[in-house]
C-alpha atoms as a PDB file:
ATOM      1  CA  UNK A   1     -22.147  15.167 -39.948  1.00  0.00           C
ATOM      2  CA  UNK A   2     -20.354  16.727 -37.000  1.00  0.00           C
ATOM      3  CA  UNK A   3     -18.132  14.917 -34.521  1.00  0.00           C
ATOM      4  CA  UNK A   4     -19.607  14.050 -31.132  1.00  0.00           C
ATOM      5  CA  UNK A   5     -18.691  16.463 -28.330  1.00  0.00           C
ATOM      6  CA  UNK A   6     -15.386  15.760 -26.614  1.00  0.00           C
ATOM      7  CA  UNK A   7     -15.386  14.596 -23.022  1.00  0.00           C
ATOM      8  CA  UNK A   8     -14.127  18.039 -22.008  1.00  0.00           C
ATOM      9  CA  UNK A   9     -17.100  19.623 -23.805  1.00  0.00           C
ATOM     10  CA  UNK A  10     -19.440  17.206 -22.035  1.00  0.00           C
ATOM     11  CA  UNK A  11     -17.907  18.094 -18.655  1.00  0.00           C
ATOM     12  CA  UNK A  12     -18.296  21.793 -19.465  1.00  0.00           C
ATOM     13  CA  UNK A  13     -21.967  21.336 -20.384  1.00  0.00           C
ATOM     14  CA  UNK A  14     -22.650  19.280 -17.267  1.00  0.00           C
ATOM     15  CA  UNK A  15     -21.109  21.952 -15.036  1.00  0.00           C
ATOM     16  CA  UNK A  16     -24.015  24.288 -15.943  1.00  0.00           C
ATOM     17  CA  UNK A  17     -21.622  27.236 -15.940  1.00  0.00           C
ATOM     18  CA  UNK A  18     -21.206  29.664 -18.819  1.00  0.00           C
ATOM     19  CA  UNK A  19     -19.303  27.668 -21.459  1.00  0.00           C
ATOM     20  CA  UNK A  20     -16.729  30.423 -21.953  1.00  0.00           C
ATOM     21  CA  UNK A  21     -16.001  30.655 -18.238  1.00  0.00           C
ATOM     22  CA  UNK A  22     -16.269  26.898 -17.631  1.00  0.00           C
ATOM     23  CA  UNK A  23     -13.739  25.996 -20.335  1.00  0.00           C
ATOM     24  CA  UNK A  24     -11.009  28.041 -18.660  1.00  0.00           C
ATOM     25  CA  UNK A  25     -11.862  27.019 -15.097  1.00  0.00           C
ATOM     26  CA  UNK A  26     -12.176  23.323 -15.902  1.00  0.00           C
ATOM     27  CA  UNK A  27      -9.075  23.271 -18.098  1.00  0.00           C
ATOM     28  CA  UNK A  28      -7.077  24.741 -15.206  1.00  0.00           C
ATOM     29  CA  UNK A  29      -8.612  22.219 -12.777  1.00  0.00           C
ATOM     30  CA  UNK A  30      -7.657  19.302 -15.017  1.00  0.00           C
ATOM     31  CA  UNK A  31      -4.118  20.648 -15.391  1.00  0.00           C
ATOM     32  CA  UNK A  32      -3.798  21.031 -11.601  1.00  0.00           C
ATOM     33  CA  UNK A  33      -4.736  17.348 -11.406  1.00  0.00           C
ATOM     34  CA  UNK A  34      -1.876  16.561 -13.794  1.00  0.00           C
ATOM     35  CA  UNK A  35      -4.046  15.915 -16.847  1.00  0.00           C
ATOM     36  CA  UNK A  36      -3.929  17.141 -20.434  1.00  0.00           C
ATOM     37  CA  UNK A  37      -7.477  18.473 -20.972  1.00  0.00           C
ATOM     38  CA  UNK A  38      -7.647  17.448 -24.627  1.00  0.00           C
ATOM     39  CA  UNK A  39      -6.658  13.872 -23.726  1.00  0.00           C
ATOM     40  CA  UNK A  40      -8.818  13.409 -20.633  1.00  0.00           C
ATOM     41  CA  UNK A  41     -10.610  10.081 -20.219  1.00  0.00           C
ATOM     42  CA  UNK A  42     -13.525   9.225 -17.982  1.00  0.00           C
ATOM     43  CA  UNK A  43     -11.165   7.399 -15.644  1.00  0.00           C
ATOM     44  CA  UNK A  44      -8.634  10.225 -15.399  1.00  0.00           C
ATOM     45  CA  UNK A  45     -11.383  12.839 -15.024  1.00  0.00           C
ATOM     46  CA  UNK A  46     -12.808  10.902 -12.065  1.00  0.00           C
ATOM     47  CA  UNK A  47      -9.451  11.312 -10.332  1.00  0.00           C
ATOM     48  CA  UNK A  48      -9.651  15.047 -11.019  1.00  0.00           C
ATOM     49  CA  UNK A  49     -13.097  15.503  -9.416  1.00  0.00           C
ATOM     50  CA  UNK A  50     -11.686  17.162  -6.261  1.00  0.00           C
ATOM     51  CA  UNK A  51      -9.949  19.793  -8.415  1.00  0.00           C
ATOM     52  CA  UNK A  52     -13.061  20.213 -10.552  1.00  0.00           C
ATOM     53  CA  UNK A  53     -15.139  20.720  -7.420  1.00  0.00           C
ATOM     54  CA  UNK A  54     -12.746  23.407  -6.143  1.00  0.00           C
ATOM     55  CA  UNK A  55     -12.922  25.168  -9.503  1.00  0.00           C
ATOM     56  CA  UNK A  56     -16.707  25.311  -9.810  1.00  0.00           C
ATOM     57  CA  UNK A  57     -17.978  25.380  -6.224  1.00  0.00           C
ATOM     58  CA  UNK A  58     -17.709  29.166  -5.718  1.00  0.00           C
ATOM     59  CA  UNK A  59     -20.010  29.727  -8.704  1.00  0.00           C
ATOM     60  CA  UNK A  60     -22.718  27.109  -8.177  1.00  0.00           C
ATOM     61  CA  UNK A  61     -24.627  28.850  -5.375  1.00  0.00           C
ATOM     62  CA  UNK A  62     -25.601  25.809  -3.331  1.00  0.00           C
ATOM     63  CA  UNK A  63     -25.906  23.435  -6.302  1.00  0.00           C
ATOM     64  CA  UNK A  64     -22.426  21.964  -5.967  1.00  0.00           C
ATOM     65  CA  UNK A  65     -23.478  18.529  -4.718  1.00  0.00           C
ATOM     66  CA  UNK A  66     -26.098  18.122  -7.461  1.00  0.00           C
ATOM     67  CA  UNK A  67     -23.703  19.183 -10.219  1.00  0.00           C
ATOM     68  CA  UNK A  68     -20.907  16.991  -8.875  1.00  0.00           C
ATOM     69  CA  UNK A  69     -23.298  14.029  -8.863  1.00  0.00           C
ATOM     70  CA  UNK A  70     -24.134  14.738 -12.516  1.00  0.00           C
ATOM     71  CA  UNK A  71     -20.424  14.826 -13.299  1.00  0.00           C
ATOM     72  CA  UNK A  72     -19.886  11.539 -11.461  1.00  0.00           C
ATOM     73  CA  UNK A  73     -22.662   9.943 -13.534  1.00  0.00           C
ATOM     74  CA  UNK A  74     -21.156  11.317 -16.749  1.00  0.00           C
ATOM     75  CA  UNK A  75     -17.775   9.857 -15.839  1.00  0.00           C
ATOM     76  CA  UNK A  76     -18.982   6.357 -14.931  1.00  0.00           C
END
């Protein structure tokens, strides 16, 4: 039986970006927000949403608001 996906992995999947690209971009965004990506919690990730948005927005081609809403729901 495998372990459930980490919160970081869930954030990556929700971003709808390529997982390889998303891992690097989102890890950097979390670090810019002062977080340790491997220790991120839902609460701390909510505080990092502005940095996450800046990291993914250039690649979402008009879907930013929808993806950010999905991330907000994930982090509730």
